[in-house]
Amino acid sequence: MILTQEEDDVLGDKAQENSTHDVIKIEHTMATPLEDVGKQVWRGALFLADYILFQWDLFQGRTVLELGAGTGLTSLVAATVAQTVYCTDVGADLLAMCQQNIALNSHLTAPGDGVVKVRELDWLKDGLCTDPKAPFSWSEEDISDLYSHTTILLAAEVFYDDDLTDALFKTLYRLAHKLKNACTAILSVEKRLNFTLSHLDVTCEAYDHFRSCLRQLEQLEGGPLRFAVEPVDAAFPQHLVYERIQQLELWKVRVEPAPRHVASPGRTPRLSL
């Protein structure tokens, strides 16, 4: 069950009473301007959540970081099996919505398990927000736990603007070099087809740019890490209610130490985004 803010106001306590272990209640909006797209529930988030439910053993007991979490749906599903989930995005109102959704779904995890921590993480900034006056800032304990234990990163349908896509991949690259363990990033994307005047044809420029970033990441050489990119077979079971269209894709990026790495003097490979 996924509710809009308006539906939640109408149903009130009745919706809460109907909550069971197989129901997720999400506060969200149906339509937003571009800058508030995170307040909607997108198919890519549901698609990625289905994959988590299918590959639950991959997430069991892990520390997970979601980038651009939006309403927090995917983080909530991850928390049904993961030990700790860092649910991150930007904007105080959006992060407050995430926090509300976590409270609405406390029935999904047993006490002491599946902890979800809502935190600010801006892809356009190099560091994490540590200002104690900010409502969703990172404590020293959070940062230590993030870098020491995170092994899975998630991003669900956040590839709609080329500049933000570049920022996401730079953030992924930067985080991968700070994490103490090898990690896997799982990315969902919807290939949206549009007719463009520049090409006078049906294209998907945002998707094409996403794929270009994946190729750049995979082709990086000379650094301490290797980024192995592979598509995920979409033939896994569907548990959540949404339209699973052919344009939905999952991509997996495995980050591991480069074999027999020899550092080039004075040179560190960089993404040319």
C-alpha atoms as a PDB file:
ATOM      1  CA  MET A   1       0.000   0.000   0.000  1.00  0.00           C
ATOM      2  CA  ILE A   2       1.448   3.356  -1.008  1.00  0.00           C
ATOM      3  CA  LEU A   3      -0.412   6.488   0.103  1.00  0.00           C
ATOM      4  CA  THR A   4      -0.243  10.082  -1.058  1.00  0.00           C
ATOM      5  CA  GLN A   5      -0.180  12.771   1.611  1.00  0.00           C
ATOM      6  CA  GLU A   6      -3.841  13.504   0.852  1.00  0.00           C
ATOM      7  CA  GLU A   7      -4.874   9.850   1.215  1.00  0.00           C
ATOM      8  CA  ASP A   8      -3.020   9.600   4.491  1.00  0.00           C
ATOM      9  CA  ASP A   9      -4.914  12.612   5.847  1.00  0.00           C
ATOM     10  CA  VAL A  10      -8.235  10.986   4.900  1.00  0.00           C
ATOM     11  CA  LEU A  11      -7.494   7.482   6.216  1.00  0.00           C
ATOM     12  CA  GLY A  12      -5.634   8.564   9.338  1.00  0.00           C
ATOM     13  CA  ASP A  13      -5.442   5.902  12.043  1.00  0.00           C
ATOM     14  CA  LYS A  14      -7.331   3.378   9.913  1.00  0.00           C
ATOM     15  CA  ALA A  15      -4.361   3.066   7.552  1.00  0.00           C
ATOM     16  CA  GLN A  16      -2.030   2.532  10.506  1.00  0.00           C
ATOM     17  CA  GLU A  17      -4.293  -0.170  11.939  1.00  0.00           C
ATOM     18  CA  ASN A  18      -4.240  -2.024   8.610  1.00  0.00           C
ATOM     19  CA  SER A  19      -0.439  -2.158   8.532  1.00  0.00           C
ATOM     20  CA  THR A  20       0.958  -5.686   8.504  1.00  0.00           C
ATOM     21  CA  HIS A  21       4.348  -7.170   7.805  1.00  0.00           C
ATOM     22  CA  ASP A  22       3.620  -7.311   4.068  1.00  0.00           C
ATOM     23  CA  VAL A  23       2.418  -3.699   3.744  1.00  0.00           C
ATOM     24  CA  ILE A  24       4.634  -0.664   3.191  1.00  0.00           C
ATOM     25  CA  LYS A  25       3.075   2.733   3.821  1.00  0.00           C
ATOM     26  CA  ILE A  26       4.800   5.603   2.008  1.00  0.00           C
ATOM     27  CA  GLU A  27       4.020   9.298   2.250  1.00  0.00           C
ATOM     28  CA  HIS A  28       4.695  10.866  -1.137  1.00  0.00           C
ATOM     29  CA  THR A  29       3.290  13.246  -3.756  1.00  0.00           C
ATOM     30  CA  MET A  30       1.803  12.388  -7.141  1.00  0.00           C
ATOM     31  CA  ALA A  31       3.289  15.224  -9.208  1.00  0.00           C
ATOM     32  CA  THR A  32       6.087  17.691  -8.511  1.00  0.00           C
ATOM     33  CA  PRO A  33       8.279  20.255 -10.251  1.00  0.00           C
ATOM     34  CA  LEU A  34      11.647  18.922 -11.392  1.00  0.00           C
ATOM     35  CA  GLU A  35      13.490  20.053  -8.275  1.00  0.00           C
ATOM     36  CA  ASP A  36      11.160  17.969  -6.079  1.00  0.00           C
ATOM     37  CA  VAL A  37      11.083  14.711  -8.053  1.00  0.00           C
ATOM     38  CA  GLY A  38      12.458  12.909  -5.009  1.00  0.00           C
ATOM     39  CA  LYS A  39       9.052  13.261  -3.346  1.00  0.00           C
ATOM     40  CA  GLN A  40       7.497  10.892  -5.870  1.00  0.00           C
ATOM     41  CA  VAL A  41       7.668   7.095  -5.904  1.00  0.00           C
ATOM     42  CA  TRP A  42       9.307   5.967  -9.140  1.00  0.00           C
ATOM     43  CA  ARG A  43       9.148   2.579 -10.824  1.00  0.00           C
ATOM     44  CA  GLY A  44      12.909   2.241 -10.583  1.00  0.00           C
ATOM     45  CA  ALA A  45      12.728   2.331  -6.774  1.00  0.00           C
ATOM     46  CA  LEU A  46      10.122  -0.445  -6.754  1.00  0.00           C
ATOM     47  CA  PHE A  47      12.164  -2.425  -9.284  1.00  0.00           C
ATOM     48  CA  LEU A  48      15.280  -2.199  -7.130  1.00  0.00           C
ATOM     49  CA  ALA A  49      13.236  -3.066  -4.031  1.00  0.00           C
ATOM     50  CA  ASP A  50      12.012  -6.223  -5.777  1.00  0.00           C
ATOM     51  CA  TYR A  51      15.622  -7.185  -6.484  1.00  0.00           C
ATOM     52  CA  ILE A  52      16.488  -6.732  -2.802  1.00  0.00           C
ATOM     53  CA  LEU A  53      13.615  -9.031  -1.828  1.00  0.00           C
ATOM     54  CA  PHE A  54      14.827 -11.577  -4.384  1.00  0.00           C
ATOM     55  CA  GLN A  55      18.515 -11.411  -3.417  1.00  0.00           C
ATOM     56  CA  TRP A  56      17.900 -10.917   0.298  1.00  0.00           C
ATOM     57  CA  ASP A  57      20.937 -13.005   1.247  1.00  0.00           C
ATOM     58  CA  LEU A  58      23.194 -10.456  -0.486  1.00  0.00           C
ATOM     59  CA  PHE A  59      21.922  -7.770   1.910  1.00  0.00           C
ATOM     60  CA  GLN A  60      21.496  -9.780   5.102  1.00  0.00           C
ATOM     61  CA  GLY A  61      23.419  -8.266   7.992  1.00  0.00           C
ATOM     62  CA  ARG A  62      25.141  -5.714   5.736  1.00  0.00           C
ATOM     63  CA  THR A  63      25.638  -1.967   5.988  1.00  0.00           C
ATOM     64  CA  VAL A  64      23.988  -0.269   3.019  1.00  0.00           C
ATOM     65  CA  LEU A  65      24.198   3.283   1.666  1.00  0.00           C
ATOM     66  CA  GLU A  66      21.448   4.593  -0.613  1.00  0.00           C
ATOM     67  CA  LEU A  67      22.227   7.685  -2.686  1.00  0.00           C
ATOM     68  CA  GLY A  68      19.295   9.892  -3.691  1.00  0.00           C
ATOM     69  CA  ALA A  69      16.826   7.906  -1.605  1.00  0.00           C
ATOM     70  CA  GLY A  70      13.830  10.167  -2.249  1.00  0.00           C
ATOM     71  CA  THR A  71      10.880   8.914  -0.192  1.00  0.00           C
ATOM     72  CA  GLY A  72      13.034   6.194   1.353  1.00  0.00           C
ATOM     73  CA  LEU A  73      11.118   3.240  -0.122  1.00  0.00           C
ATOM     74  CA  THR A  74      14.169   1.280  -1.280  1.00  0.00           C
ATOM     75  CA  SER A  75      16.010   1.938   1.984  1.00  0.00           C
ATOM     76  CA  LEU A  76      13.016   0.639   3.934  1.00  0.00           C
ATOM     77  CA  VAL A  77      12.944  -2.594   1.952  1.00  0.00           C
ATOM     78  CA  ALA A  78      16.710  -2.993   2.385  1.00  0.00           C
ATOM     79  CA  ALA A  79      16.264  -2.548   6.132  1.00  0.00           C
ATOM     80  CA  THR A  80      14.095  -5.672   6.304  1.00  0.00           C
ATOM     81  CA  VAL A  81      17.299  -7.708   5.927  1.00  0.00           C
ATOM     82  CA  ALA A  82      20.275  -5.327   6.300  1.00  0.00           C
ATOM     83  CA  GLN A  83      21.791  -4.390   9.638  1.00  0.00           C
ATOM     84  CA  THR A  84      22.165  -0.657   8.964  1.00  0.00           C
ATOM     85  CA  VAL A  85      20.910   1.452   6.070  1.00  0.00           C
ATOM     86  CA  TYR A  86      22.052   5.025   5.472  1.00  0.00           C
ATOM     87  CA  CYS A  87      19.161   6.676   3.632  1.00  0.00           C
ATOM     88  CA  THR A  88      20.607   9.826   2.048  1.00  0.00           C
ATOM     89  CA  ASP A  89      19.442  12.749  -0.052  1.00  0.00           C
ATOM     90  CA  VAL A  90      19.338  16.556   0.126  1.00  0.00           C
ATOM     91  CA  GLY A  91      16.665  19.006   1.264  1.00  0.00           C
ATOM     92  CA  ALA A  92      15.322  19.243   4.806  1.00  0.00           C
ATOM     93  CA  ASP A  93      11.697  18.718   3.754  1.00  0.00           C
ATOM     94  CA  LEU A  94      12.506  15.618   1.679  1.00  0.00           C
ATOM     95  CA  LEU A  95      14.659  14.131   4.437  1.00  0.00           C
ATOM     96  CA  ALA A  96      11.870  14.828   6.931  1.00  0.00           C
ATOM     97  CA  MET A  97       9.522  12.888   4.633  1.00  0.00           C
ATOM     98  CA  CYS A  98      12.000   9.994   4.674  1.00  0.00           C
ATOM     99  CA  GLN A  99      12.089  10.084   8.455  1.00  0.00           C
ATOM    100  CA  GLN A 100       8.290  10.063   8.575  1.00  0.00           C
ATOM    101  CA  ASN A 101       8.139   7.058   6.257  1.00  0.00           C
ATOM    102  CA  ILE A 102      10.570   5.159   8.457  1.00  0.00           C
ATOM    103  CA  ALA A 103       8.360   5.852  11.473  1.00  0.00           C
ATOM    104  CA  LEU A 104       5.276   4.723   9.539  1.00  0.00           C
ATOM    105  CA  ASN A 105       6.943   1.393   8.760  1.00  0.00           C
ATOM    106  CA  SER A 106       8.459   0.437  12.087  1.00  0.00           C
ATOM    107  CA  HIS A 107       6.466  -2.810  11.802  1.00  0.00           C
ATOM    108  CA  LEU A 108       8.812  -4.031   9.051  1.00  0.00           C
ATOM    109  CA  THR A 109      11.810  -4.692  11.287  1.00  0.00           C
ATOM    110  CA  ALA A 110      12.264  -6.263  14.681  1.00  0.00           C
ATOM    111  CA  PRO A 111      13.521  -4.065  17.540  1.00  0.00           C
ATOM    112  CA  GLY A 112      17.272  -3.576  17.287  1.00  0.00           C
ATOM    113  CA  ASP A 113      17.500  -4.802  13.692  1.00  0.00           C
ATOM    114  CA  GLY A 114      17.310  -3.032  10.363  1.00  0.00           C
ATOM    115  CA  VAL A 115      18.305   0.421  11.583  1.00  0.00           C
ATOM    116  CA  VAL A 116      17.642   3.181   9.036  1.00  0.00           C
ATOM    117  CA  LYS A 117      19.552   6.434   9.484  1.00  0.00           C
ATOM    118  CA  VAL A 118      18.399   9.417   7.423  1.00  0.00           C
ATOM    119  CA  ARG A 119      21.346  11.631   6.549  1.00  0.00           C
ATOM    120  CA  GLU A 120      22.157  14.487   4.193  1.00  0.00           C
ATOM    121  CA  LEU A 121      24.529  13.616   1.366  1.00  0.00           C
ATOM    122  CA  ASP A 122      24.987  16.187  -1.378  1.00  0.00           C
ATOM    123  CA  TRP A 123      26.623  14.804  -4.528  1.00  0.00           C
ATOM    124  CA  LEU A 124      27.797  18.299  -5.440  1.00  0.00           C
ATOM    125  CA  LYS A 125      29.944  18.539  -2.310  1.00  0.00           C
ATOM    126  CA  ASP A 126      33.080  16.556  -1.533  1.00  0.00           C
ATOM    127  CA  GLY A 127      32.469  16.056   2.174  1.00  0.00           C
ATOM    128  CA  LEU A 128      29.634  14.994   4.454  1.00  0.00           C
ATOM    129  CA  CYS A 129      27.553  17.466   6.441  1.00  0.00           C
ATOM    130  CA  THR A 130      28.867  17.394  10.021  1.00  0.00           C
ATOM    131  CA  ASP A 131      27.252  20.606  11.297  1.00  0.00           C
ATOM    132  CA  PRO A 132      25.570  19.578  14.571  1.00  0.00           C
ATOM    133  CA  LYS A 133      22.941  22.277  14.012  1.00  0.00           C
ATOM    134  CA  ALA A 134      21.782  20.633  10.787  1.00  0.00           C
ATOM    135  CA  PRO A 135      18.917  18.183  11.425  1.00  0.00           C
ATOM    136  CA  PHE A 136      20.313  15.330   9.290  1.00  0.00           C
ATOM    137  CA  SER A 137      24.056  15.770   9.760  1.00  0.00           C
ATOM    138  CA  TRP A 138      26.616  13.006  10.256  1.00  0.00           C
ATOM    139  CA  SER A 139      28.191  12.265  13.619  1.00  0.00           C
ATOM    140  CA  GLU A 140      31.769  11.027  13.940  1.00  0.00           C
ATOM    141  CA  GLU A 141      30.343   7.622  14.862  1.00  0.00           C
ATOM    142  CA  ASP A 142      28.191   7.590  11.704  1.00  0.00           C
ATOM    143  CA  ILE A 143      31.136   8.420   9.468  1.00  0.00           C
ATOM    144  CA  SER A 144      33.353   5.803  11.072  1.00  0.00           C
ATOM    145  CA  ASP A 145      30.644   3.161  10.677  1.00  0.00           C
ATOM    146  CA  LEU A 146      29.920   4.206   7.074  1.00  0.00           C
ATOM    147  CA  TYR A 147      33.518   3.901   5.914  1.00  0.00           C
ATOM    148  CA  SER A 148      34.338   0.830   8.024  1.00  0.00           C
ATOM    149  CA  HIS A 149      31.344  -1.375   7.253  1.00  0.00           C
ATOM    150  CA  THR A 150      29.503  -0.322   4.079  1.00  0.00           C
ATOM    151  CA  THR A 151      29.623  -2.972   1.357  1.00  0.00           C
ATOM    152  CA  ILE A 152      26.537  -2.126  -0.737  1.00  0.00           C
ATOM    153  CA  LEU A 153      25.557   1.147  -2.390  1.00  0.00           C
ATOM    154  CA  LEU A 154      22.168   1.745  -4.009  1.00  0.00           C
ATOM    155  CA  ALA A 155      20.783   4.365  -6.383  1.00  0.00           C
ATOM    156  CA  ALA A 156      17.262   4.071  -7.784  1.00  0.00           C
ATOM    157  CA  GLU A 157      16.227   5.987 -10.894  1.00  0.00           C
ATOM    158  CA  VAL A 158      18.257   9.118 -10.277  1.00  0.00           C
ATOM    159  CA  PHE A 159      19.683   9.367 -13.797  1.00  0.00           C
ATOM    160  CA  TYR A 160      17.498  12.020 -15.440  1.00  0.00           C
ATOM    161  CA  ASP A 161      19.840  15.034 -15.536  1.00  0.00           C
ATOM    162  CA  ASP A 162      23.337  14.795 -17.020  1.00  0.00           C
ATOM    163  CA  ASP A 163      24.953  17.095 -14.456  1.00  0.00           C
ATOM    164  CA  LEU A 164      23.456  15.152 -11.553  1.00  0.00           C
ATOM    165  CA  THR A 165      24.424  11.858 -13.188  1.00  0.00           C
ATOM    166  CA  ASP A 166      28.013  13.099 -13.406  1.00  0.00           C
ATOM    167  CA  ALA A 167      27.861  14.142  -9.749  1.00  0.00           C
ATOM    168  CA  LEU A 168      26.477  10.742  -8.730  1.00  0.00           C
ATOM    169  CA  PHE A 169      29.267   8.846 -10.464  1.00  0.00           C
ATOM    170  CA  LYS A 170      31.922  11.134  -8.990  1.00  0.00           C
ATOM    171  CA  THR A 171      30.391  10.546  -5.552  1.00  0.00           C
ATOM    172  CA  LEU A 172      30.374   6.793  -6.141  1.00  0.00           C
ATOM    173  CA  TYR A 173      34.023   6.927  -7.231  1.00  0.00           C
ATOM    174  CA  ARG A 174      35.016   9.026  -4.219  1.00  0.00           C
ATOM    175  CA  LEU A 175      33.159   6.837  -1.720  1.00  0.00           C
ATOM    176  CA  ALA A 176      34.591   3.636  -3.187  1.00  0.00           C
ATOM    177  CA  HIS A 177      38.097   4.906  -2.439  1.00  0.00           C
ATOM    178  CA  LYS A 178      37.184   5.764   1.161  1.00  0.00           C
ATOM    179  CA  LEU A 179      35.419   2.525   2.070  1.00  0.00           C
ATOM    180  CA  LYS A 180      37.600  -0.021   3.849  1.00  0.00           C
ATOM    181  CA  ASN A 181      35.904  -3.005   2.206  1.00  0.00           C
ATOM    182  CA  ALA A 182      35.208  -4.022  -1.370  1.00  0.00           C
ATOM    183  CA  CYS A 183      31.722  -2.909  -2.319  1.00  0.00           C
ATOM    184  CA  THR A 184      28.984  -3.399  -4.882  1.00  0.00           C
ATOM    185  CA  ALA A 185      26.812  -0.616  -6.286  1.00  0.00           C
ATOM    186  CA  ILE A 186      23.388  -1.556  -7.657  1.00  0.00           C
ATOM    187  CA  LEU A 187      21.777   1.049  -9.890  1.00  0.00           C
ATOM    188  CA  SER A 188      18.279   1.117 -11.370  1.00  0.00           C
ATOM    189  CA  VAL A 189      17.398   3.194 -14.405  1.00  0.00           C
ATOM    190  CA  GLU A 190      14.394   3.608 -16.680  1.00  0.00           C
ATOM    191  CA  LYS A 191      15.176   4.121 -20.340  1.00  0.00           C
ATOM    192  CA  ARG A 192      12.821   6.991 -21.222  1.00  0.00           C
ATOM    193  CA  LEU A 193      12.351   7.504 -24.947  1.00  0.00           C
ATOM    194  CA  ASN A 194      11.671  11.003 -26.247  1.00  0.00           C
ATOM    195  CA  PHE A 195      11.528  12.668 -29.645  1.00  0.00           C
ATOM    196  CA  THR A 196      14.212  15.359 -29.781  1.00  0.00           C
ATOM    197  CA  LEU A 197      14.488  18.200 -32.264  1.00  0.00           C
ATOM    198  CA  SER A 198      18.269  18.041 -32.139  1.00  0.00           C
ATOM    199  CA  HIS A 199      18.232  14.494 -33.525  1.00  0.00           C
ATOM    200  CA  LEU A 200      14.836  14.561 -35.263  1.00  0.00           C
ATOM    201  CA  ASP A 201      14.413  11.075 -33.880  1.00  0.00           C
ATOM    202  CA  VAL A 202      13.340   9.143 -30.792  1.00  0.00           C
ATOM    203  CA  THR A 203      16.289   9.079 -28.398  1.00  0.00           C
ATOM    204  CA  CYS A 204      17.064   8.614 -24.736  1.00  0.00           C
ATOM    205  CA  GLU A 205      19.813  11.107 -24.016  1.00  0.00           C
ATOM    206  CA  ALA A 206      19.741  10.756 -20.215  1.00  0.00           C
ATOM    207  CA  TYR A 207      20.066   6.971 -20.510  1.00  0.00           C
ATOM    208  CA  ASP A 208      22.827   7.263 -23.099  1.00  0.00           C
ATOM    209  CA  HIS A 209      24.759   9.545 -20.758  1.00  0.00           C
ATOM    210  CA  PHE A 210      24.273   7.074 -17.911  1.00  0.00           C
ATOM    211  CA  ARG A 211      25.721   4.277 -20.044  1.00  0.00           C
ATOM    212  CA  SER A 212      28.628   6.514 -21.057  1.00  0.00           C
ATOM    213  CA  CYS A 213      29.438   7.111 -17.378  1.00  0.00           C
ATOM    214  CA  LEU A 214      29.377   3.366 -16.729  1.00  0.00           C
ATOM    215  CA  ARG A 215      31.844   2.819 -19.567  1.00  0.00           C
ATOM    216  CA  GLN A 216      34.179   5.515 -18.265  1.00  0.00           C
ATOM    217  CA  LEU A 217      34.103   3.967 -14.814  1.00  0.00           C
ATOM    218  CA  GLU A 218      34.863   0.503 -16.162  1.00  0.00           C
ATOM    219  CA  GLN A 219      37.721   1.732 -18.356  1.00  0.00           C
ATOM    220  CA  LEU A 220      39.631   3.481 -15.566  1.00  0.00           C
ATOM    221  CA  GLU A 221      43.177   2.156 -15.295  1.00  0.00           C
ATOM    222  CA  GLY A 222      46.210   2.814 -13.141  1.00  0.00           C
ATOM    223  CA  GLY A 223      44.392   3.216  -9.847  1.00  0.00           C
ATOM    224  CA  PRO A 224      44.039   1.035  -6.756  1.00  0.00           C
ATOM    225  CA  LEU A 225      40.491  -0.053  -7.606  1.00  0.00           C
ATOM    226  CA  ARG A 226      38.845  -1.927 -10.440  1.00  0.00           C
ATOM    227  CA  PHE A 227      35.227  -1.187 -11.417  1.00  0.00           C
ATOM    228  CA  ALA A 228      33.521  -4.167 -13.073  1.00  0.00           C
ATOM    229  CA  VAL A 229      30.173  -3.318 -14.677  1.00  0.00           C
ATOM    230  CA  GLU A 230      27.480  -5.820 -15.598  1.00  0.00           C
ATOM    231  CA  PRO A 231      23.725  -5.746 -16.316  1.00  0.00           C
ATOM    232  CA  VAL A 232      21.405  -7.656 -14.000  1.00  0.00           C
ATOM    233  CA  ASP A 233      18.970 -10.159 -15.473  1.00  0.00           C
ATOM    234  CA  ALA A 234      15.515  -8.630 -14.928  1.00  0.00           C
ATOM    235  CA  ALA A 235      13.727 -11.993 -14.778  1.00  0.00           C
ATOM    236  CA  PHE A 236      13.468 -11.992 -10.977  1.00  0.00           C
ATOM    237  CA  PRO A 237      10.043 -12.258  -9.269  1.00  0.00           C
ATOM    238  CA  GLN A 238       7.821  -9.216  -8.812  1.00  0.00           C
ATOM    239  CA  HIS A 239       6.521  -8.791  -5.259  1.00  0.00           C
ATOM    240  CA  LEU A 240       5.500  -5.124  -5.294  1.00  0.00           C
ATOM    241  CA  VAL A 241       2.628  -3.603  -7.247  1.00  0.00           C
ATOM    242  CA  TYR A 242       3.800  -1.516 -10.216  1.00  0.00           C
ATOM    243  CA  GLU A 243       4.074  -1.779 -13.985  1.00  0.00           C
ATOM    244  CA  ARG A 244       7.313  -3.588 -14.780  1.00  0.00           C
ATOM    245  CA  ILE A 245       8.105  -2.287 -18.247  1.00  0.00           C
ATOM    246  CA  GLN A 246      10.920  -3.440 -20.528  1.00  0.00           C
ATOM    247  CA  GLN A 247      12.671  -0.086 -20.175  1.00  0.00           C
ATOM    248  CA  LEU A 248      13.539  -0.777 -16.524  1.00  0.00           C
ATOM    249  CA  GLU A 249      17.124  -1.920 -16.039  1.00  0.00           C
ATOM    250  CA  LEU A 250      19.443  -2.824 -13.186  1.00  0.00           C
ATOM    251  CA  TRP A 251      23.211  -2.455 -13.365  1.00  0.00           C
ATOM    252  CA  LYS A 252      25.758  -3.786 -10.925  1.00  0.00           C
ATOM    253  CA  VAL A 253      29.171  -2.219 -10.340  1.00  0.00           C
ATOM    254  CA  ARG A 254      31.605  -4.395  -8.403  1.00  0.00           C
ATOM    255  CA  VAL A 255      34.436  -2.429  -6.829  1.00  0.00           C
ATOM    256  CA  GLU A 256      37.506  -4.479  -5.954  1.00  0.00           C
ATOM    257  CA  PRO A 257      41.242  -3.924  -5.517  1.00  0.00           C
ATOM    258  CA  ALA A 258      42.940  -3.755  -8.902  1.00  0.00           C
ATOM    259  CA  PRO A 259      45.067  -6.854  -9.583  1.00  0.00           C
ATOM    260  CA  ARG A 260      48.772  -6.263  -8.996  1.00  0.00           C
ATOM    261  CA  HIS A 261      48.214  -2.517  -8.814  1.00  0.00           C
ATOM    262  CA  VAL A 262      51.280  -0.402  -9.461  1.00  0.00           C
ATOM    263  CA  ALA A 263      50.709   3.290  -8.848  1.00  0.00           C
ATOM    264  CA  SER A 264      51.818   5.686 -11.548  1.00  0.00           C
ATOM    265  CA  PRO A 265      54.134   8.352 -10.063  1.00  0.00           C
ATOM    266  CA  GLY A 266      52.258  11.606  -9.510  1.00  0.00           C
ATOM    267  CA  ARG A 267      49.183  10.365 -11.347  1.00  0.00           C
ATOM    268  CA  THR A 268      45.785   9.348  -9.999  1.00  0.00           C
ATOM    269  CA  PRO A 269      43.109   8.276 -12.498  1.00  0.00           C
ATOM    270  CA  ARG A 270      40.034  10.507 -12.566  1.00  0.00           C
ATOM    271  CA  LEU A 271      36.614  10.310 -14.138  1.00  0.00           C
ATOM    272  CA  SER A 272      36.495  12.745 -17.055  1.00  0.00           C
ATOM    273  CA  LEU A 273      32.867  13.758 -16.502  1.00  0.00           C
END
